[in-house]
Each structure stands twice: as C-alpha cells, then as structure tokens.
C-alpha cells in the first residue's frame, strides 16, 4: 500500500490506508515522541560492536538507507541485536523539549527472535561529517535504485562520543507502525555541514512522522 508524508497518504491518514496499518491510528505506544519528562535511573550501557562494511546505499522511496549485512551488533540488557540498516529523516522525528534538529539517524537492529532495537542520533549543523560524506557521494536519486561501492565505512563513527541516552518502548515510525520496539535515543548528537543537510533535503525535503502521544509510558534517562 502506497504511503508518504504529504496529502492523502500522509501520516494522519496512515491508519486508514489499509488494515495492516491500523496501529498507526489505534496504537498506544507509538513513535516518535517529544522527550520532555524523564526518570533518571541506572541503565545498562549500550555495548557497540560494529564492523567495517562495504557501502550499499538504497533509495527506498521514503529515505536513503545503508544496508548493513555483517555490520556487527550491539549488546543491550544482556541481549544481542544485529545491525540491519541505518537511514535518515528530516527534520528529526524525536524532539528534545520541543527542539527539532535538521536530521535524525536511525540505526535499526534485531535480535534472533525478531525483536527490534533502534538507536536514534540527532544530526545538528556544524562541521562536515566524513562518514556522511561517503554515503552522500553514492546517494541514489531514483526510487528503488541501489549503489554498491568498494568503499568501507564503520557505522560506529556515526555515534556520539558520549553514550548517555534516553529509552522508552515505542514503535516503527513508518507503516505498519509495529509496536514493541526498544528505542535508544542518544542524548548527544553529531555534526553535519549545512551542505550535507541541504544535499539530503534535495532528495527528501520532508520524511518525518509528527510526534505521538506518550500516553502512560515512562521515558528513562541515563544518570
């Protein structure tokens, strides 16, 4: 079923487009959210074990995605989650006390049972990012196009040095809006240049779902 970010197939209509997308409308644990009130607590570290990978970049019609076959894994709360892919949204989907960022990076992981863990990183305007530069150099402009290059990147270089984070139970931010997703949103962001922001927006000028109600959920924050 076709969906998008504007008009008749935009986010406020996703739940009505087909029965498979009904959670986009009826779900009570949806993402993204505006992170405002948090509970500081002693949370486990996110143990990152990413590998250097050859660059495979996909334009899937909704975002620019880098596929990460054999891209390594994270260990969180004693569970191993393999890195599947990472992709980008503009503007940021999560907000910090109402603050929006130019871009947000999502690193999508899955454990052996198919449970998802997504790490969100805010991208703010500043210096040029060398990893983003490599990705953008081979960014496919047409929907469905894939570029495979003999260029290596390490996804860990897209994480901030400080590993403090917020965490909550949420969902995919795109249809079918499946719930049960563990969200790890890094408190610190990384920098990208204005030119890099503009380059992405020349392909996708808006691909962010608006924030969703928190309902009864609690957002936890590292000490």
N, C-alpha and C. Protein backbone atom coordinates (compact mmCIF):
# COMPACT_ATOMS: atom_id res chain seq x y z
N UNK A 1 0.84 -1.19 0.00
CA UNK A 1 0.00 0.00 0.00
C UNK A 1 0.88 1.25 0.00
N UNK A 2 0.61 2.16 -0.90
CA UNK A 2 1.42 3.37 -1.02
C UNK A 2 1.15 4.30 0.17
N UNK A 3 2.21 4.86 0.72
CA UNK A 3 2.09 5.84 1.81
C UNK A 3 3.19 6.89 1.64
N UNK A 4 3.03 8.00 2.33
CA UNK A 4 4.01 9.06 2.20
C UNK A 4 3.94 10.03 3.36
N UNK A 5 4.37 11.24 3.13
CA UNK A 5 4.44 12.23 4.22
C UNK A 5 3.59 13.47 3.95
N UNK A 6 2.85 13.48 2.84
CA UNK A 6 2.05 14.65 2.49
C UNK A 6 0.70 14.22 1.94
N UNK A 7 -0.29 15.08 2.12
CA UNK A 7 -1.58 14.91 1.46
C UNK A 7 -2.37 13.68 1.88
N UNK A 8 -3.02 13.09 0.91
CA UNK A 8 -3.97 12.00 1.17
C UNK A 8 -3.30 10.73 1.69
N UNK A 9 -1.98 10.61 1.51
CA UNK A 9 -1.29 9.41 2.02
C UNK A 9 -0.30 9.79 3.13
N UNK A 10 -0.52 10.98 3.72
CA UNK A 10 0.37 11.48 4.78
C UNK A 10 0.13 10.80 6.12
N UNK A 11 0.95 11.13 7.13
CA UNK A 11 0.92 10.43 8.42
C UNK A 11 -0.43 10.40 9.11
N UNK A 12 -1.23 11.47 8.98
CA UNK A 12 -2.53 11.47 9.66
C UNK A 12 -3.54 10.55 8.98
N UNK A 13 -3.17 10.00 7.82
CA UNK A 13 -4.06 9.08 7.10
C UNK A 13 -3.55 7.64 7.10
N UNK A 14 -2.34 7.41 7.61
CA UNK A 14 -1.75 6.07 7.51
C UNK A 14 -2.67 4.98 8.05
N UNK A 15 -3.27 5.23 9.21
CA UNK A 15 -4.09 4.21 9.86
C UNK A 15 -5.34 3.84 9.08
N UNK A 16 -5.72 4.68 8.11
CA UNK A 16 -6.92 4.41 7.31
C UNK A 16 -6.59 3.83 5.94
N UNK A 17 -5.32 3.78 5.59
CA UNK A 17 -4.95 3.34 4.24
C UNK A 17 -5.22 1.85 4.02
N UNK A 18 -4.95 1.03 5.03
CA UNK A 18 -5.24 -0.40 4.94
C UNK A 18 -5.23 -1.00 6.34
N UNK A 19 -5.79 -2.19 6.48
CA UNK A 19 -5.94 -2.80 7.80
C UNK A 19 -4.57 -3.10 8.43
N UNK A 20 -3.57 -3.37 7.59
CA UNK A 20 -2.24 -3.67 8.12
C UNK A 20 -1.61 -2.47 8.82
N UNK A 21 -2.11 -1.28 8.52
CA UNK A 21 -1.54 -0.06 9.10
C UNK A 21 -2.38 0.49 10.26
N UNK A 22 -3.31 -0.30 10.77
CA UNK A 22 -4.26 0.24 11.74
C UNK A 22 -3.59 0.74 13.03
N UNK A 23 -2.45 0.14 13.39
CA UNK A 23 -1.76 0.58 14.61
C UNK A 23 -1.28 2.02 14.51
N UNK A 24 -1.05 2.50 13.29
CA UNK A 24 -0.63 3.89 13.11
C UNK A 24 -1.68 4.85 13.69
N UNK A 25 -2.94 4.36 13.77
CA UNK A 25 -4.05 5.17 14.28
C UNK A 25 -4.45 4.76 15.69
N UNK A 26 -4.46 3.44 15.96
CA UNK A 26 -5.01 2.95 17.23
C UNK A 26 -3.95 2.64 18.28
N UNK A 27 -2.69 2.57 17.89
CA UNK A 27 -1.64 2.18 18.83
C UNK A 27 -1.49 3.16 19.98
N UNK A 28 -1.13 2.64 21.15
CA UNK A 28 -0.95 3.47 22.35
C UNK A 28 0.51 3.64 22.73
N UNK A 29 1.41 3.03 21.94
CA UNK A 29 2.85 3.12 22.24
C UNK A 29 3.59 3.45 20.94
N UNK A 30 3.20 4.58 20.35
CA UNK A 30 3.72 4.96 19.04
C UNK A 30 4.94 5.89 19.15
N UNK A 31 5.72 5.88 18.08
CA UNK A 31 6.91 6.72 17.96
C UNK A 31 6.76 7.58 16.70
N UNK A 32 7.45 8.73 16.69
CA UNK A 32 8.36 9.29 17.69
C UNK A 32 7.60 10.04 18.79
N UNK A 33 8.37 10.57 19.75
CA UNK A 33 7.79 11.36 20.83
C UNK A 33 8.63 12.61 21.07
N UNK A 34 8.03 13.55 21.78
CA UNK A 34 8.77 14.71 22.27
C UNK A 34 9.28 14.34 23.65
N UNK A 35 10.59 14.23 23.80
CA UNK A 35 11.19 13.81 25.08
C UNK A 35 11.27 15.00 26.01
N UNK A 36 10.42 15.03 27.01
CA UNK A 36 10.36 16.14 27.95
C UNK A 36 10.63 15.64 29.38
N UNK A 37 9.64 15.00 29.96
CA UNK A 37 9.78 14.49 31.34
C UNK A 37 10.45 13.13 31.31
N UNK A 38 11.52 12.97 32.06
CA UNK A 38 12.24 11.69 32.09
C UNK A 38 12.49 11.28 33.53
N UNK A 39 12.79 10.00 33.70
CA UNK A 39 13.18 9.47 35.01
C UNK A 39 14.63 9.03 34.91
N UNK A 40 15.51 9.70 35.66
CA UNK A 40 16.92 9.32 35.65
C UNK A 40 17.10 8.05 36.47
N UNK A 41 17.81 7.08 35.88
CA UNK A 41 17.98 5.81 36.55
C UNK A 41 19.26 5.14 36.08
N UNK A 42 19.68 4.13 36.79
CA UNK A 42 20.91 3.40 36.46
C UNK A 42 20.60 2.41 35.34
N UNK A 43 20.91 2.80 34.12
CA UNK A 43 20.59 1.97 32.95
C UNK A 43 21.85 1.26 32.46
N UNK A 44 21.68 0.10 31.80
CA UNK A 44 22.84 -0.62 31.27
C UNK A 44 23.47 0.14 30.11
N UNK A 45 24.77 -0.03 29.90
CA UNK A 45 25.40 0.62 28.74
C UNK A 45 24.96 -0.07 27.45
N UNK A 46 25.06 0.66 26.35
CA UNK A 46 24.87 0.07 25.03
C UNK A 46 26.26 -0.34 24.55
N UNK A 47 26.49 -1.66 24.52
CA UNK A 47 27.81 -2.18 24.11
C UNK A 47 27.82 -2.31 22.58
N UNK A 48 28.62 -1.47 21.96
CA UNK A 48 28.64 -1.40 20.49
C UNK A 48 29.79 -2.24 19.93
N UNK A 49 29.44 -3.13 19.02
CA UNK A 49 30.43 -3.99 18.35
C UNK A 49 30.17 -3.98 16.86
N UNK A 50 30.32 -2.81 16.25
CA UNK A 50 30.08 -2.69 14.82
C UNK A 50 31.34 -3.06 14.04
N UNK A 51 31.13 -3.44 12.78
CA UNK A 51 32.22 -3.84 11.89
C UNK A 51 32.29 -2.87 10.71
N UNK A 52 33.46 -2.79 10.12
CA UNK A 52 33.61 -2.03 8.88
C UNK A 52 32.89 -2.78 7.76
N UNK A 53 32.12 -2.06 6.97
CA UNK A 53 31.31 -2.71 5.94
C UNK A 53 31.49 -1.98 4.61
N UNK A 54 31.34 -2.72 3.48
CA UNK A 54 31.29 -2.05 2.18
C UNK A 54 29.98 -1.30 2.05
N UNK A 55 30.02 -0.21 1.31
CA UNK A 55 28.88 0.69 1.25
C UNK A 55 27.83 0.20 0.25
N UNK A 56 26.61 -0.06 0.76
CA UNK A 56 25.46 -0.38 -0.08
C UNK A 56 24.35 0.59 0.27
N UNK A 57 24.03 1.49 -0.66
CA UNK A 57 23.08 2.57 -0.38
C UNK A 57 21.84 2.39 -1.23
N UNK A 58 20.67 2.45 -0.57
CA UNK A 58 19.38 2.23 -1.22
C UNK A 58 18.52 3.48 -1.09
N UNK A 59 17.87 3.87 -2.17
CA UNK A 59 16.79 4.84 -2.14
C UNK A 59 15.50 4.05 -2.18
N UNK A 60 14.80 3.94 -1.04
CA UNK A 60 13.63 3.07 -1.00
C UNK A 60 12.32 3.81 -1.26
N UNK A 61 12.43 5.07 -1.68
CA UNK A 61 11.23 5.84 -1.96
C UNK A 61 10.73 6.65 -0.79
N UNK A 62 11.30 6.38 0.40
CA UNK A 62 10.92 7.12 1.61
C UNK A 62 12.13 7.74 2.30
N UNK A 63 13.32 7.18 2.07
CA UNK A 63 14.53 7.67 2.70
C UNK A 63 15.74 7.11 1.97
N UNK A 64 16.91 7.54 2.41
CA UNK A 64 18.17 6.96 1.97
C UNK A 64 18.62 5.99 3.06
N UNK A 65 18.87 4.75 2.68
CA UNK A 65 19.16 3.67 3.63
C UNK A 65 20.47 2.99 3.27
N UNK A 66 21.27 2.71 4.29
CA UNK A 66 22.50 1.94 4.10
C UNK A 66 22.29 0.55 4.70
N UNK A 67 22.36 -0.47 3.86
CA UNK A 67 22.20 -1.85 4.32
C UNK A 67 23.48 -2.33 4.98
N UNK A 68 23.33 -3.02 6.10
CA UNK A 68 24.49 -3.36 6.93
C UNK A 68 24.62 -4.85 7.18
N UNK A 69 24.55 -5.63 6.12
CA UNK A 69 24.79 -7.06 6.26
C UNK A 69 26.19 -7.26 6.84
N UNK A 70 26.30 -8.08 7.87
CA UNK A 70 27.55 -8.31 8.61
C UNK A 70 28.13 -6.99 9.15
N UNK A 71 27.23 -6.10 9.58
CA UNK A 71 27.65 -4.81 10.10
C UNK A 71 27.95 -4.79 11.59
N UNK A 72 27.87 -5.98 12.22
CA UNK A 72 28.14 -6.04 13.65
C UNK A 72 26.86 -6.01 14.47
N UNK A 73 26.99 -5.68 15.75
CA UNK A 73 25.85 -5.81 16.66
C UNK A 73 26.06 -4.92 17.89
N UNK A 74 24.98 -4.77 18.66
CA UNK A 74 25.09 -4.18 19.99
C UNK A 74 24.59 -5.21 21.00
N UNK A 75 25.07 -5.09 22.21
CA UNK A 75 24.52 -5.87 23.32
C UNK A 75 23.86 -4.89 24.28
N UNK A 76 22.59 -5.14 24.57
CA UNK A 76 21.84 -4.26 25.47
C UNK A 76 21.00 -5.11 26.40
N UNK A 77 21.15 -4.86 27.67
CA UNK A 77 20.38 -5.61 28.67
C UNK A 77 20.60 -7.11 28.52
N UNK A 78 21.83 -7.50 28.16
CA UNK A 78 22.18 -8.91 28.05
C UNK A 78 21.74 -9.58 26.76
N UNK A 79 21.15 -8.81 25.84
CA UNK A 79 20.68 -9.39 24.57
C UNK A 79 21.49 -8.83 23.41
N UNK A 80 21.72 -9.66 22.42
CA UNK A 80 22.47 -9.27 21.23
C UNK A 80 21.51 -8.88 20.12
N UNK A 81 21.73 -7.69 19.57
CA UNK A 81 20.92 -7.19 18.47
C UNK A 81 21.83 -6.89 17.28
N UNK A 82 21.59 -7.57 16.17
CA UNK A 82 22.40 -7.36 14.97
C UNK A 82 21.96 -6.10 14.23
N UNK A 83 22.93 -5.34 13.73
CA UNK A 83 22.65 -4.14 12.95
C UNK A 83 22.17 -4.54 11.56
N UNK A 84 20.98 -4.11 11.18
CA UNK A 84 20.40 -4.44 9.88
C UNK A 84 20.64 -3.34 8.85
N UNK A 85 20.38 -2.10 9.25
CA UNK A 85 20.48 -0.97 8.32
C UNK A 85 20.43 0.32 9.12
N UNK A 86 20.83 1.41 8.47
CA UNK A 86 20.55 2.72 9.04
C UNK A 86 20.02 3.63 7.96
N UNK A 87 19.24 4.64 8.39
CA UNK A 87 18.58 5.55 7.45
C UNK A 87 18.36 6.90 8.12
N UNK A 88 17.79 7.84 7.37
CA UNK A 88 17.73 9.23 7.80
C UNK A 88 16.32 9.82 7.64
N UNK A 89 16.01 10.77 8.54
CA UNK A 89 14.76 11.52 8.47
C UNK A 89 15.07 13.01 8.58
N UNK A 90 14.29 13.81 7.85
CA UNK A 90 14.38 15.26 8.00
C UNK A 90 12.98 15.86 8.07
N UNK A 91 12.70 16.76 9.03
CA UNK A 91 13.57 17.07 10.16
C UNK A 91 13.60 15.89 11.12
N UNK A 92 14.20 16.08 12.29
CA UNK A 92 14.25 14.98 13.26
C UNK A 92 12.83 14.57 13.64
N UNK A 93 12.67 13.28 13.91
CA UNK A 93 11.35 12.78 14.33
C UNK A 93 11.17 12.97 15.83
N UNK A 94 12.19 12.59 16.62
CA UNK A 94 12.13 12.87 18.06
C UNK A 94 12.49 14.33 18.32
N UNK A 95 11.85 14.88 19.32
CA UNK A 95 12.15 16.24 19.76
C UNK A 95 12.69 16.19 21.19
N UNK A 96 13.51 17.15 21.55
CA UNK A 96 14.01 17.29 22.92
C UNK A 96 13.40 18.58 23.48
N UNK A 97 12.39 18.43 24.37
CA UNK A 97 11.71 19.60 24.92
C UNK A 97 11.24 20.54 23.81
N UNK A 98 10.70 19.96 22.75
CA UNK A 98 10.18 20.76 21.66
C UNK A 98 11.22 21.16 20.63
N UNK A 99 12.48 20.88 20.92
CA UNK A 99 13.55 21.26 19.98
C UNK A 99 13.64 20.25 18.85
N UNK A 100 13.66 20.77 17.62
CA UNK A 100 13.77 19.92 16.44
C UNK A 100 15.17 20.08 15.85
N UNK A 101 15.68 19.01 15.27
CA UNK A 101 17.02 19.01 14.68
C UNK A 101 16.89 18.84 13.16
N UNK A 102 17.91 19.23 12.39
CA UNK A 102 17.81 19.15 10.93
C UNK A 102 17.59 17.74 10.39
N UNK A 103 18.28 16.77 11.00
CA UNK A 103 18.20 15.38 10.55
C UNK A 103 18.24 14.46 11.76
N UNK A 104 17.71 13.25 11.57
CA UNK A 104 17.83 12.21 12.60
C UNK A 104 18.24 10.90 11.91
N UNK A 105 19.20 10.24 12.51
CA UNK A 105 19.70 8.95 12.03
C UNK A 105 19.09 7.84 12.87
N UNK A 106 18.63 6.78 12.21
CA UNK A 106 18.10 5.60 12.90
C UNK A 106 18.93 4.39 12.51
N UNK A 107 19.53 3.75 13.50
CA UNK A 107 20.26 2.50 13.30
C UNK A 107 19.36 1.37 13.80
N UNK A 108 18.93 0.52 12.89
CA UNK A 108 17.91 -0.49 13.17
C UNK A 108 18.57 -1.84 13.42
N UNK A 109 18.22 -2.45 14.57
CA UNK A 109 18.80 -3.73 14.99
C UNK A 109 17.69 -4.74 15.28
N UNK A 110 18.03 -6.02 15.19
CA UNK A 110 17.09 -7.09 15.52
C UNK A 110 17.80 -8.21 16.26
N UNK A 111 17.10 -8.80 17.25
CA UNK A 111 17.67 -9.99 17.89
C UNK A 111 17.20 -11.24 17.14
N UNK A 112 17.57 -12.41 17.64
CA UNK A 112 17.25 -13.66 16.93
C UNK A 112 15.75 -13.91 16.84
N UNK A 113 14.98 -13.35 17.80
CA UNK A 113 13.53 -13.55 17.79
C UNK A 113 12.80 -12.50 16.94
N UNK A 114 13.57 -11.56 16.38
CA UNK A 114 12.94 -10.53 15.56
C UNK A 114 12.54 -9.28 16.33
N UNK A 115 12.90 -9.22 17.62
CA UNK A 115 12.62 -8.01 18.40
C UNK A 115 13.55 -6.89 17.94
N UNK A 116 12.98 -5.70 17.77
CA UNK A 116 13.74 -4.59 17.22
C UNK A 116 14.24 -3.63 18.30
N UNK A 117 15.44 -3.13 18.06
CA UNK A 117 16.03 -2.05 18.87
C UNK A 117 16.55 -1.02 17.89
N UNK A 118 16.12 0.23 18.08
CA UNK A 118 16.55 1.30 17.18
C UNK A 118 17.29 2.36 17.99
N UNK A 119 18.47 2.72 17.52
CA UNK A 119 19.24 3.81 18.11
C UNK A 119 19.01 5.06 17.27
N UNK A 120 18.55 6.11 17.92
CA UNK A 120 18.33 7.39 17.24
C UNK A 120 19.44 8.37 17.60
N UNK A 121 19.96 9.05 16.59
CA UNK A 121 21.01 10.05 16.79
C UNK A 121 20.60 11.33 16.08
N UNK A 122 20.64 12.46 16.82
CA UNK A 122 20.31 13.75 16.22
C UNK A 122 21.51 14.29 15.44
N UNK A 123 21.23 14.82 14.26
CA UNK A 123 22.27 15.43 13.44
C UNK A 123 22.05 16.94 13.44
N UNK A 124 23.06 17.66 13.91
CA UNK A 124 22.95 19.12 14.03
C UNK A 124 23.96 19.78 13.11
N UNK A 125 23.65 21.02 12.73
CA UNK A 125 24.51 21.72 11.79
C UNK A 125 25.84 22.09 12.43
N UNK A 126 26.93 21.82 11.70
CA UNK A 126 28.27 22.12 12.19
C UNK A 126 29.29 21.76 11.13
N UNK A 127 30.27 20.93 11.54
CA UNK A 127 31.33 20.53 10.62
C UNK A 127 30.86 19.41 9.69
N UNK A 128 31.52 19.31 8.56
CA UNK A 128 31.23 18.22 7.62
C UNK A 128 31.53 16.88 8.27
N UNK A 129 30.64 15.91 8.06
CA UNK A 129 30.82 14.58 8.63
C UNK A 129 31.43 13.65 7.58
N UNK A 130 32.59 13.05 7.87
CA UNK A 130 33.28 12.25 6.85
C UNK A 130 32.53 10.97 6.45
N UNK A 131 31.81 10.35 7.39
CA UNK A 131 31.06 9.13 7.04
C UNK A 131 29.85 9.49 6.18
N UNK A 132 29.14 10.54 6.59
CA UNK A 132 28.00 11.00 5.79
C UNK A 132 28.47 11.40 4.39
N UNK A 133 29.65 11.99 4.31
CA UNK A 133 30.19 12.39 3.01
C UNK A 133 30.30 11.17 2.09
N UNK A 134 30.81 10.05 2.61
CA UNK A 134 30.93 8.84 1.80
C UNK A 134 29.56 8.34 1.34
N UNK A 135 28.59 8.37 2.26
CA UNK A 135 27.24 7.90 1.91
C UNK A 135 26.62 8.79 0.85
N UNK A 136 26.71 10.11 1.06
CA UNK A 136 26.09 11.06 0.14
C UNK A 136 26.75 11.00 -1.24
N UNK A 137 28.05 10.70 -1.28
CA UNK A 137 28.75 10.61 -2.57
C UNK A 137 28.11 9.58 -3.50
N UNK A 138 27.47 8.58 -2.90
CA UNK A 138 26.88 7.50 -3.69
C UNK A 138 25.37 7.40 -3.48
N UNK A 139 24.76 8.52 -3.07
CA UNK A 139 23.33 8.55 -2.80
C UNK A 139 22.53 8.34 -4.09
N UNK A 140 21.72 7.27 -4.17
CA UNK A 140 20.90 7.08 -5.37
C UNK A 140 19.75 8.09 -5.37
N UNK A 141 19.48 8.67 -6.51
CA UNK A 141 18.45 9.71 -6.60
C UNK A 141 17.08 9.16 -6.97
N UNK A 142 17.05 7.96 -7.55
CA UNK A 142 15.78 7.39 -8.01
C UNK A 142 15.28 6.30 -7.06
N UNK A 143 13.97 6.26 -6.85
CA UNK A 143 13.35 5.24 -6.00
C UNK A 143 13.68 3.85 -6.51
N UNK A 144 14.10 2.97 -5.59
CA UNK A 144 14.43 1.60 -5.94
C UNK A 144 15.85 1.39 -6.39
N UNK A 145 16.58 2.48 -6.58
CA UNK A 145 17.96 2.38 -7.05
C UNK A 145 18.89 2.02 -5.88
N UNK A 146 19.87 1.16 -6.16
CA UNK A 146 20.87 0.75 -5.16
C UNK A 146 22.26 0.99 -5.74
N UNK A 147 23.15 1.52 -4.93
CA UNK A 147 24.54 1.64 -5.34
C UNK A 147 25.40 0.81 -4.40
N UNK A 148 26.26 0.00 -4.97
CA UNK A 148 27.20 -0.80 -4.20
C UNK A 148 28.60 -0.35 -4.57
N UNK A 149 29.38 0.03 -3.57
CA UNK A 149 30.69 0.61 -3.83
C UNK A 149 31.76 -0.12 -3.02
N UNK A 150 32.96 -0.13 -3.56
CA UNK A 150 34.10 -0.70 -2.85
C UNK A 150 34.70 0.36 -1.93
N UNK A 151 33.82 0.90 -1.09
CA UNK A 151 34.19 1.93 -0.11
C UNK A 151 33.75 1.43 1.25
N UNK A 152 34.61 1.52 2.24
CA UNK A 152 34.31 0.98 3.57
C UNK A 152 33.91 2.10 4.53
N UNK A 153 32.93 1.79 5.37
CA UNK A 153 32.57 2.69 6.47
C UNK A 153 32.39 1.86 7.73
N UNK A 154 32.53 2.52 8.87
CA UNK A 154 32.22 1.89 10.15
C UNK A 154 31.08 2.67 10.79
N UNK A 155 29.90 2.05 10.95
CA UNK A 155 28.76 2.78 11.50
C UNK A 155 29.00 3.36 12.88
N UNK A 156 29.96 2.81 13.62
CA UNK A 156 30.23 3.34 14.97
C UNK A 156 30.65 4.81 14.91
N UNK A 157 31.22 5.22 13.79
CA UNK A 157 31.65 6.61 13.64
C UNK A 157 30.47 7.57 13.51
N UNK A 158 29.26 7.03 13.43
CA UNK A 158 28.06 7.85 13.40
C UNK A 158 27.44 8.01 14.78
N UNK A 159 28.07 7.44 15.79
CA UNK A 159 27.59 7.58 17.17
C UNK A 159 28.38 8.67 17.88
N UNK A 160 27.74 9.41 18.78
CA UNK A 160 28.47 10.43 19.53
C UNK A 160 29.45 9.78 20.51
N UNK A 161 30.47 10.54 20.89
CA UNK A 161 31.46 10.02 21.85
C UNK A 161 30.80 9.71 23.19
N UNK A 162 29.94 10.60 23.64
CA UNK A 162 29.22 10.37 24.90
C UNK A 162 28.04 9.45 24.63
N UNK A 163 27.92 8.40 25.41
CA UNK A 163 26.91 7.37 25.14
C UNK A 163 25.72 7.43 26.10
N UNK A 164 25.49 8.57 26.71
CA UNK A 164 24.28 8.73 27.50
C UNK A 164 23.06 8.69 26.59
N UNK A 165 21.93 8.20 27.12
CA UNK A 165 20.76 8.03 26.25
C UNK A 165 19.45 8.12 27.01
N UNK A 166 18.38 8.30 26.25
CA UNK A 166 17.00 8.13 26.72
C UNK A 166 16.50 6.80 26.16
N UNK A 167 15.57 6.16 26.88
CA UNK A 167 15.00 4.92 26.35
C UNK A 167 13.52 4.83 26.70
N UNK A 168 12.76 4.26 25.79
CA UNK A 168 11.33 4.05 26.01
C UNK A 168 10.86 2.96 25.06
N UNK A 169 9.66 2.44 25.34
CA UNK A 169 9.03 1.43 24.48
C UNK A 169 8.19 2.14 23.43
N UNK A 170 8.48 1.86 22.16
CA UNK A 170 7.78 2.56 21.10
C UNK A 170 7.45 1.69 19.92
N UNK A 171 7.50 2.30 18.74
CA UNK A 171 7.07 1.63 17.52
C UNK A 171 7.97 2.02 16.36
N UNK A 172 7.75 1.38 15.23
CA UNK A 172 8.31 1.89 13.98
C UNK A 172 7.68 3.25 13.71
N UNK A 173 8.44 4.15 13.10
CA UNK A 173 7.88 5.47 12.78
C UNK A 173 7.33 5.53 11.36
N UNK A 174 7.28 4.38 10.71
CA UNK A 174 6.69 4.26 9.37
C UNK A 174 5.70 3.10 9.38
N UNK A 175 4.73 3.10 8.47
CA UNK A 175 3.82 1.95 8.38
C UNK A 175 4.59 0.64 8.25
N UNK A 176 4.15 -0.42 8.97
CA UNK A 176 2.86 -0.58 9.66
C UNK A 176 2.83 -0.08 11.11
N UNK A 177 3.84 0.70 11.54
CA UNK A 177 3.86 1.30 12.88
C UNK A 177 3.84 0.23 13.98
N UNK A 178 4.49 -0.91 13.71
CA UNK A 178 4.53 -2.02 14.67
C UNK A 178 5.11 -1.57 16.00
N UNK A 179 4.47 -2.03 17.10
CA UNK A 179 4.93 -1.67 18.44
C UNK A 179 5.88 -2.74 18.99
N UNK A 180 6.36 -2.53 20.21
CA UNK A 180 7.31 -3.45 20.81
C UNK A 180 8.75 -3.14 20.44
N UNK A 181 9.00 -1.92 19.94
CA UNK A 181 10.36 -1.51 19.55
C UNK A 181 11.04 -0.85 20.75
N UNK A 182 12.25 -1.31 21.08
CA UNK A 182 13.04 -0.65 22.11
C UNK A 182 13.78 0.53 21.48
N UNK A 183 13.50 1.72 21.98
CA UNK A 183 14.16 2.92 21.46
C UNK A 183 15.28 3.37 22.38
N UNK A 184 16.44 3.62 21.80
CA UNK A 184 17.58 4.21 22.48
C UNK A 184 17.87 5.52 21.74
N UNK A 185 17.58 6.64 22.35
CA UNK A 185 17.81 7.94 21.70
C UNK A 185 19.00 8.60 22.40
N UNK A 186 20.08 8.79 21.66
CA UNK A 186 21.30 9.34 22.24
C UNK A 186 21.07 10.79 22.66
N UNK A 187 21.58 11.14 23.85
CA UNK A 187 21.41 12.50 24.36
C UNK A 187 22.26 13.49 23.59
N UNK A 188 23.44 13.05 23.18
CA UNK A 188 24.33 13.91 22.39
C UNK A 188 24.12 13.62 20.91
N UNK A 189 24.27 14.63 20.07
CA UNK A 189 24.16 14.45 18.63
C UNK A 189 25.52 14.43 17.97
N UNK A 190 25.51 14.38 16.65
CA UNK A 190 26.74 14.51 15.87
C UNK A 190 26.54 15.65 14.87
N UNK A 191 27.64 16.15 14.35
CA UNK A 191 27.56 17.29 13.44
C UNK A 191 27.59 16.86 11.97
N UNK A 192 26.83 17.60 11.17
CA UNK A 192 26.90 17.52 9.72
C UNK A 192 26.91 18.95 9.21
N UNK A 193 27.44 19.15 8.01
CA UNK A 193 27.53 20.51 7.48
C UNK A 193 26.19 20.94 6.89
N UNK A 194 26.02 22.25 6.73
CA UNK A 194 24.81 22.78 6.10
C UNK A 194 24.66 22.20 4.69
N UNK A 195 25.78 22.05 3.99
CA UNK A 195 25.74 21.49 2.64
C UNK A 195 25.23 20.05 2.66
N UNK A 196 25.63 19.28 3.68
CA UNK A 196 25.17 17.90 3.79
C UNK A 196 23.68 17.82 4.09
N UNK A 197 23.21 18.72 4.95
CA UNK A 197 21.77 18.79 5.23
C UNK A 197 21.01 19.13 3.95
N UNK A 198 21.49 20.15 3.24
CA UNK A 198 20.81 20.58 2.01
C UNK A 198 20.82 19.49 0.95
N UNK A 199 21.90 18.71 0.91
CA UNK A 199 22.01 17.63 -0.08
C UNK A 199 20.93 16.58 0.15
N UNK A 200 20.73 16.19 1.40
CA UNK A 200 19.69 15.20 1.69
C UNK A 200 18.31 15.78 1.36
N UNK A 201 18.09 17.03 1.75
CA UNK A 201 16.78 17.65 1.54
C UNK A 201 16.49 17.89 0.06
N UNK A 202 17.52 17.87 -0.78
CA UNK A 202 17.27 17.99 -2.21
C UNK A 202 16.66 16.71 -2.77
N UNK A 203 16.82 15.60 -2.04
CA UNK A 203 16.22 14.32 -2.43
C UNK A 203 14.93 14.08 -1.66
N UNK A 204 14.95 14.29 -0.33
CA UNK A 204 13.78 14.16 0.53
C UNK A 204 13.66 15.41 1.39
N UNK A 205 12.70 16.26 1.05
CA UNK A 205 12.57 17.52 1.78
C UNK A 205 11.78 17.38 3.06
N UNK A 206 10.99 16.29 3.18
CA UNK A 206 10.22 16.03 4.40
C UNK A 206 9.93 14.54 4.47
N UNK A 207 10.49 13.87 5.47
CA UNK A 207 10.16 12.45 5.66
C UNK A 207 10.18 12.09 7.14
N UNK A 208 9.50 12.95 7.93
CA UNK A 208 9.43 12.74 9.37
C UNK A 208 7.98 12.62 9.81
N UNK A 209 7.70 11.60 10.61
CA UNK A 209 6.37 11.47 11.21
C UNK A 209 6.27 12.45 12.38
N UNK A 210 5.14 13.14 12.55
CA UNK A 210 4.97 14.01 13.71
C UNK A 210 5.01 13.22 15.02
N UNK A 211 5.30 13.92 16.13
CA UNK A 211 5.38 13.25 17.42
C UNK A 211 4.01 12.70 17.82
N UNK A 212 4.05 11.61 18.57
CA UNK A 212 2.86 10.88 19.00
C UNK A 212 2.65 11.03 20.51
N UNK A 213 1.43 10.79 20.99
CA UNK A 213 1.17 10.92 22.43
C UNK A 213 2.00 9.92 23.24
N UNK A 214 2.50 10.37 24.38
CA UNK A 214 3.27 9.48 25.26
C UNK A 214 2.36 8.48 25.96
N UNK A 215 1.13 8.90 26.24
CA UNK A 215 0.17 8.08 26.99
C UNK A 215 0.76 7.69 28.35
N UNK A 216 0.73 6.43 28.71
CA UNK A 216 1.17 6.04 30.06
C UNK A 216 2.65 5.66 30.12
N UNK A 217 3.36 5.85 29.05
CA UNK A 217 4.76 5.41 29.02
C UNK A 217 5.69 6.32 29.83
N UNK A 218 6.78 5.71 30.29
CA UNK A 218 7.81 6.44 31.03
C UNK A 218 9.09 6.45 30.19
N UNK A 219 9.69 7.62 30.06
CA UNK A 219 10.97 7.73 29.36
C UNK A 219 12.07 7.73 30.41
N UNK A 220 12.99 6.78 30.30
CA UNK A 220 14.11 6.69 31.24
C UNK A 220 15.35 7.35 30.65
N UNK A 221 16.19 7.88 31.53
CA UNK A 221 17.39 8.61 31.12
C UNK A 221 18.57 8.12 31.94
N UNK A 222 19.70 7.96 31.28
CA UNK A 222 20.92 7.54 32.00
C UNK A 222 21.35 8.63 32.98
N UNK A 223 22.00 8.19 34.04
CA UNK A 223 22.47 9.12 35.08
C UNK A 223 23.57 10.02 34.53
